[in-house]
Amino acid sequence: MTPLETTLLVCTAAALLWTKALDVISTWRFIGVHGESNPIARWLFEKAGLAGGIAIVCALYLLLLAAQLGAVVWIDSPWLTHGTVLVGSLVAFIQYDVARFNRSRRHSAMTNILLRFFMRTR
Protein backbone atom coordinates (compact mmCIF):
# COMPACT_ATOMS: atom_id res chain seq x y z
CA MET A 1 0.00 0.00 0.00
CA THR A 2 1.37 3.41 -0.96
CA PRO A 3 1.70 6.26 1.54
CA LEU A 4 -1.11 8.11 -0.25
CA GLU A 5 -3.42 5.10 0.04
CA THR A 6 -2.54 4.74 3.72
CA THR A 7 -3.29 8.42 4.32
CA LEU A 8 -6.62 8.19 2.48
CA LEU A 9 -7.57 5.08 4.45
CA VAL A 10 -6.70 6.69 7.78
CA CYS A 11 -8.62 9.87 6.88
CA THR A 12 -11.64 7.81 5.81
CA ALA A 13 -11.59 5.82 9.06
CA ALA A 14 -11.32 9.07 11.05
CA ALA A 15 -14.23 10.58 9.10
CA LEU A 16 -16.34 7.47 9.73
CA LEU A 17 -15.61 7.55 13.47
CA TRP A 18 -16.23 11.30 13.72
CA THR A 19 -19.52 11.24 11.81
CA LYS A 20 -20.74 8.19 13.79
CA ALA A 21 -19.98 10.13 16.98
CA LEU A 22 -22.00 13.08 15.65
CA ASP A 23 -24.86 10.72 14.77
CA VAL A 24 -24.82 9.15 18.24
CA ILE A 25 -24.74 12.53 19.99
CA SER A 26 -27.56 13.95 17.89
CA THR A 27 -29.64 10.79 18.36
CA TRP A 28 -29.12 10.96 22.12
CA ARG A 29 -29.91 14.67 22.38
CA PHE A 30 -32.70 15.14 19.85
CA ILE A 31 -34.25 11.83 18.77
CA GLY A 32 -34.49 9.43 21.71
CA VAL A 33 -36.14 6.02 21.67
CA HIS A 34 -39.50 6.90 20.19
CA GLY A 35 -38.34 9.49 17.67
CA GLU A 36 -36.09 7.05 15.80
CA SER A 37 -37.38 6.50 12.27
CA ASN A 38 -35.20 3.46 11.52
CA PRO A 39 -37.40 0.51 12.59
CA ILE A 40 -34.45 -1.76 13.43
CA ALA A 41 -32.79 0.91 15.59
CA ARG A 42 -36.11 1.77 17.21
CA TRP A 43 -36.69 -1.91 18.10
CA LEU A 44 -33.17 -2.16 19.50
CA PHE A 45 -33.62 1.02 21.54
CA GLU A 46 -36.92 -0.26 22.92
CA LYS A 47 -35.38 -3.62 23.92
CA ALA A 48 -31.99 -2.44 25.25
CA GLY A 49 -32.82 1.15 26.16
CA LEU A 50 -31.34 4.15 24.42
CA ALA A 51 -27.89 3.87 26.03
CA GLY A 52 -27.75 0.09 25.57
CA GLY A 53 -28.92 0.30 21.97
CA ILE A 54 -26.38 2.98 21.15
CA ALA A 55 -23.65 0.89 22.81
CA ILE A 56 -24.62 -2.16 20.74
CA VAL A 57 -24.72 -0.14 17.51
CA CYS A 58 -21.32 1.41 18.28
CA ALA A 59 -19.79 -1.97 19.12
CA LEU A 60 -21.06 -3.48 15.86
CA TYR A 61 -19.90 -0.43 13.93
CA LEU A 62 -16.39 -0.62 15.41
CA LEU A 63 -16.25 -4.37 14.74
CA LEU A 64 -17.23 -3.90 11.09
CA LEU A 65 -14.80 -1.03 10.63
CA ALA A 66 -11.94 -3.00 12.19
CA ALA A 67 -12.77 -6.05 10.06
CA GLN A 68 -12.81 -3.98 6.86
CA LEU A 69 -9.56 -2.20 7.68
CA GLY A 70 -7.99 -5.53 8.62
CA ALA A 71 -9.07 -7.02 5.30
CA VAL A 72 -7.63 -4.06 3.41
CA VAL A 73 -4.28 -4.41 5.17
CA TRP A 74 -4.22 -8.22 4.93
CA ILE A 75 -5.20 -8.49 1.26
CA ASP A 76 -3.30 -5.35 0.15
CA SER A 77 -5.23 -4.87 -3.09
CA PRO A 78 -5.45 -1.40 -4.63
CA TRP A 79 -9.02 -2.16 -5.73
CA LEU A 80 -10.06 -3.06 -2.21
CA THR A 81 -8.28 -0.03 -0.75
CA HIS A 82 -9.82 2.40 -3.23
CA GLY A 83 -13.24 0.81 -2.89
CA THR A 84 -13.04 1.06 0.89
CA VAL A 85 -12.07 4.73 0.70
CA LEU A 86 -14.88 5.44 -1.78
CA VAL A 87 -17.62 3.59 0.10
CA GLY A 88 -16.33 4.80 3.48
CA SER A 89 -16.41 8.41 2.28
CA LEU A 90 -19.98 7.97 1.03
CA VAL A 91 -21.06 6.44 4.34
CA ALA A 92 -19.35 9.24 6.28
CA PHE A 93 -21.18 11.83 4.16
CA ILE A 94 -24.53 10.12 4.74
CA GLN A 95 -23.87 9.82 8.50
CA TYR A 96 -23.02 13.52 8.65
CA ASP A 97 -26.19 14.35 6.75
CA VAL A 98 -28.28 12.24 9.14
CA ALA A 99 -26.62 13.78 12.21
CA ARG A 100 -27.18 17.27 10.82
CA PHE A 101 -30.90 16.64 10.28
CA ASN A 102 -31.49 14.80 13.58
CA ARG A 103 -31.94 18.22 15.19
CA SER A 104 -34.91 19.00 12.97
CA ARG A 105 -36.44 15.50 13.27
CA ARG A 106 -36.99 15.57 9.51
CA HIS A 107 -35.41 13.47 6.80
CA SER A 108 -32.68 15.09 4.74
CA ALA A 109 -32.78 15.11 0.96
CA MET A 110 -30.14 12.34 0.91
CA THR A 111 -32.19 10.19 3.30
CA ASN A 112 -35.31 10.69 1.16
CA ILE A 113 -33.40 9.66 -1.97
CA LEU A 114 -32.06 6.53 -0.26
CA LEU A 115 -35.49 5.63 1.16
CA ARG A 116 -37.10 5.96 -2.28
CA PHE A 117 -34.33 3.85 -3.82
CA PHE A 118 -34.67 1.06 -1.25
CA MET A 119 -38.47 1.08 -1.45
CA ARG A 120 -38.24 0.51 -5.21
CA THR A 121 -35.91 -2.44 -4.77
CA ARG A 122 -38.28 -4.24 -2.41
C-alpha atoms as a PDB file:
ATOM      1  CA  MET A   1       0.000   0.000   0.000  1.00  0.00           C
ATOM      2  CA  THR A   2       1.368   3.406  -0.957  1.00  0.00           C
ATOM      3  CA  PRO A   3       1.703   6.263   1.544  1.00  0.00           C
ATOM      4  CA  LEU A   4      -1.114   8.109  -0.255  1.00  0.00           C
ATOM      5  CA  GLU A   5      -3.425   5.097   0.038  1.00  0.00           C
ATOM      6  CA  THR A   6      -2.543   4.738   3.720  1.00  0.00           C
ATOM      7  CA  THR A   7      -3.293   8.423   4.317  1.00  0.00           C
ATOM      8  CA  LEU A   8      -6.624   8.185   2.481  1.00  0.00           C
ATOM      9  CA  LEU A   9      -7.569   5.084   4.448  1.00  0.00           C
ATOM     10  CA  VAL A  10      -6.703   6.691   7.785  1.00  0.00           C
ATOM     11  CA  CYS A  11      -8.621   9.869   6.875  1.00  0.00           C
ATOM     12  CA  THR A  12     -11.636   7.806   5.808  1.00  0.00           C
ATOM     13  CA  ALA A  13     -11.589   5.823   9.059  1.00  0.00           C
ATOM     14  CA  ALA A  14     -11.315   9.071  11.046  1.00  0.00           C
ATOM     15  CA  ALA A  15     -14.233  10.579   9.097  1.00  0.00           C
ATOM     16  CA  LEU A  16     -16.336   7.466   9.729  1.00  0.00           C
ATOM     17  CA  LEU A  17     -15.613   7.546  13.467  1.00  0.00           C
ATOM     18  CA  TRP A  18     -16.229  11.301  13.720  1.00  0.00           C
ATOM     19  CA  THR A  19     -19.522  11.241  11.811  1.00  0.00           C
ATOM     20  CA  LYS A  20     -20.738   8.194  13.786  1.00  0.00           C
ATOM     21  CA  ALA A  21     -19.983  10.127  16.984  1.00  0.00           C
ATOM     22  CA  LEU A  22     -22.004  13.084  15.648  1.00  0.00           C
ATOM     23  CA  ASP A  23     -24.863  10.721  14.766  1.00  0.00           C
ATOM     24  CA  VAL A  24     -24.818   9.153  18.242  1.00  0.00           C
ATOM     25  CA  ILE A  25     -24.740  12.531  19.991  1.00  0.00           C
ATOM     26  CA  SER A  26     -27.563  13.948  17.894  1.00  0.00           C
ATOM     27  CA  THR A  27     -29.641  10.785  18.358  1.00  0.00           C
ATOM     28  CA  TRP A  28     -29.121  10.955  22.123  1.00  0.00           C
ATOM     29  CA  ARG A  29     -29.911  14.670  22.378  1.00  0.00           C
ATOM     30  CA  PHE A  30     -32.703  15.141  19.850  1.00  0.00           C
ATOM     31  CA  ILE A  31     -34.255  11.830  18.769  1.00  0.00           C
ATOM     32  CA  GLY A  32     -34.489   9.426  21.710  1.00  0.00           C
ATOM     33  CA  VAL A  33     -36.137   6.020  21.668  1.00  0.00           C
ATOM     34  CA  HIS A  34     -39.499   6.899  20.187  1.00  0.00           C
ATOM     35  CA  GLY A  35     -38.341   9.491  17.675  1.00  0.00           C
ATOM     36  CA  GLU A  36     -36.088   7.047  15.803  1.00  0.00           C
ATOM     37  CA  SER A  37     -37.383   6.504  12.268  1.00  0.00           C
ATOM     38  CA  ASN A  38     -35.199   3.461  11.525  1.00  0.00           C
ATOM     39  CA  PRO A  39     -37.398   0.510  12.594  1.00  0.00           C
ATOM     40  CA  ILE A  40     -34.448  -1.757  13.433  1.00  0.00           C
ATOM     41  CA  ALA A  41     -32.785   0.906  15.585  1.00  0.00           C
ATOM     42  CA  ARG A  42     -36.114   1.774  17.212  1.00  0.00           C
ATOM     43  CA  TRP A  43     -36.694  -1.906  18.099  1.00  0.00           C
ATOM     44  CA  LEU A  44     -33.166  -2.162  19.503  1.00  0.00           C
ATOM     45  CA  PHE A  45     -33.617   1.022  21.542  1.00  0.00           C
ATOM     46  CA  GLU A  46     -36.922  -0.265  22.921  1.00  0.00           C
ATOM     47  CA  LYS A  47     -35.380  -3.618  23.920  1.00  0.00           C
ATOM     48  CA  ALA A  48     -31.991  -2.437  25.247  1.00  0.00           C
ATOM     49  CA  GLY A  49     -32.818   1.155  26.158  1.00  0.00           C
ATOM     50  CA  LEU A  50     -31.340   4.155  24.418  1.00  0.00           C
ATOM     51  CA  ALA A  51     -27.887   3.873  26.031  1.00  0.00           C
ATOM     52  CA  GLY A  52     -27.747   0.094  25.570  1.00  0.00           C
ATOM     53  CA  GLY A  53     -28.918   0.297  21.973  1.00  0.00           C
ATOM     54  CA  ILE A  54     -26.384   2.976  21.148  1.00  0.00           C
ATOM     55  CA  ALA A  55     -23.651   0.889  22.810  1.00  0.00           C
ATOM     56  CA  ILE A  56     -24.624  -2.164  20.737  1.00  0.00           C
ATOM     57  CA  VAL A  57     -24.722  -0.142  17.513  1.00  0.00           C
ATOM     58  CA  CYS A  58     -21.324   1.412  18.276  1.00  0.00           C
ATOM     59  CA  ALA A  59     -19.790  -1.974  19.119  1.00  0.00           C
ATOM     60  CA  LEU A  60     -21.062  -3.484  15.855  1.00  0.00           C
ATOM     61  CA  TYR A  61     -19.899  -0.432  13.931  1.00  0.00           C
ATOM     62  CA  LEU A  62     -16.386  -0.623  15.408  1.00  0.00           C
ATOM     63  CA  LEU A  63     -16.246  -4.367  14.744  1.00  0.00           C
ATOM     64  CA  LEU A  64     -17.234  -3.905  11.093  1.00  0.00           C
ATOM     65  CA  LEU A  65     -14.801  -1.025  10.633  1.00  0.00           C
ATOM     66  CA  ALA A  66     -11.943  -3.001  12.188  1.00  0.00           C
ATOM     67  CA  ALA A  67     -12.767  -6.051  10.059  1.00  0.00           C
ATOM     68  CA  GLN A  68     -12.813  -3.980   6.865  1.00  0.00           C
ATOM     69  CA  LEU A  69      -9.560  -2.202   7.679  1.00  0.00           C
ATOM     70  CA  GLY A  70      -7.992  -5.535   8.616  1.00  0.00           C
ATOM     71  CA  ALA A  71      -9.074  -7.020   5.300  1.00  0.00           C
ATOM     72  CA  VAL A  72      -7.635  -4.060   3.409  1.00  0.00           C
ATOM     73  CA  VAL A  73      -4.278  -4.408   5.167  1.00  0.00           C
ATOM     74  CA  TRP A  74      -4.224  -8.219   4.935  1.00  0.00           C
ATOM     75  CA  ILE A  75      -5.203  -8.492   1.262  1.00  0.00           C
ATOM     76  CA  ASP A  76      -3.299  -5.354   0.146  1.00  0.00           C
ATOM     77  CA  SER A  77      -5.231  -4.872  -3.091  1.00  0.00           C
ATOM     78  CA  PRO A  78      -5.453  -1.400  -4.633  1.00  0.00           C
ATOM     79  CA  TRP A  79      -9.015  -2.156  -5.734  1.00  0.00           C
ATOM     80  CA  LEU A  80     -10.058  -3.058  -2.210  1.00  0.00           C
ATOM     81  CA  THR A  81      -8.276  -0.033  -0.748  1.00  0.00           C
ATOM     82  CA  HIS A  82      -9.815   2.403  -3.227  1.00  0.00           C
ATOM     83  CA  GLY A  83     -13.242   0.807  -2.890  1.00  0.00           C
ATOM     84  CA  THR A  84     -13.036   1.056   0.889  1.00  0.00           C
ATOM     85  CA  VAL A  85     -12.071   4.728   0.697  1.00  0.00           C
ATOM     86  CA  LEU A  86     -14.878   5.436  -1.780  1.00  0.00           C
ATOM     87  CA  VAL A  87     -17.621   3.589   0.102  1.00  0.00           C
ATOM     88  CA  GLY A  88     -16.330   4.804   3.476  1.00  0.00           C
ATOM     89  CA  SER A  89     -16.409   8.405   2.278  1.00  0.00           C
ATOM     90  CA  LEU A  90     -19.975   7.972   1.029  1.00  0.00           C
ATOM     91  CA  VAL A  91     -21.064   6.435   4.340  1.00  0.00           C
ATOM     92  CA  ALA A  92     -19.350   9.236   6.283  1.00  0.00           C
ATOM     93  CA  PHE A  93     -21.176  11.833   4.160  1.00  0.00           C
ATOM     94  CA  ILE A  94     -24.530  10.122   4.745  1.00  0.00           C
ATOM     95  CA  GLN A  95     -23.870   9.824   8.502  1.00  0.00           C
ATOM     96  CA  TYR A  96     -23.019  13.522   8.648  1.00  0.00           C
ATOM     97  CA  ASP A  97     -26.186  14.354   6.752  1.00  0.00           C
ATOM     98  CA  VAL A  98     -28.282  12.237   9.139  1.00  0.00           C
ATOM     99  CA  ALA A  99     -26.624  13.782  12.211  1.00  0.00           C
ATOM    100  CA  ARG A 100     -27.180  17.273  10.821  1.00  0.00           C
ATOM    101  CA  PHE A 101     -30.899  16.645  10.278  1.00  0.00           C
ATOM    102  CA  ASN A 102     -31.488  14.803  13.575  1.00  0.00           C
ATOM    103  CA  ARG A 103     -31.938  18.225  15.186  1.00  0.00           C
ATOM    104  CA  SER A 104     -34.912  18.999  12.974  1.00  0.00           C
ATOM    105  CA  ARG A 105     -36.443  15.499  13.268  1.00  0.00           C
ATOM    106  CA  ARG A 106     -36.990  15.565   9.511  1.00  0.00           C
ATOM    107  CA  HIS A 107     -35.406  13.467   6.801  1.00  0.00           C
ATOM    108  CA  SER A 108     -32.680  15.089   4.744  1.00  0.00           C
ATOM    109  CA  ALA A 109     -32.780  15.109   0.962  1.00  0.00           C
ATOM    110  CA  MET A 110     -30.144  12.339   0.913  1.00  0.00           C
ATOM    111  CA  THR A 111     -32.193  10.189   3.296  1.00  0.00           C
ATOM    112  CA  ASN A 112     -35.305  10.693   1.165  1.00  0.00           C
ATOM    113  CA  ILE A 113     -33.400   9.662  -1.968  1.00  0.00           C
ATOM    114  CA  LEU A 114     -32.059   6.529  -0.256  1.00  0.00           C
ATOM    115  CA  LEU A 115     -35.485   5.634   1.162  1.00  0.00           C
ATOM    116  CA  ARG A 116     -37.097   5.962  -2.280  1.00  0.00           C
ATOM    117  CA  PHE A 117     -34.326   3.850  -3.822  1.00  0.00           C
ATOM    118  CA  PHE A 118     -34.669   1.061  -1.247  1.00  0.00           C
ATOM    119  CA  MET A 119     -38.470   1.076  -1.452  1.00  0.00           C
ATOM    120  CA  ARG A 120     -38.244   0.509  -5.211  1.00  0.00           C
ATOM    121  CA  THR A 121     -35.907  -2.441  -4.771  1.00  0.00           C
ATOM    122  CA  ARG A 122     -38.276  -4.243  -2.412  1.00  0.00           C
END
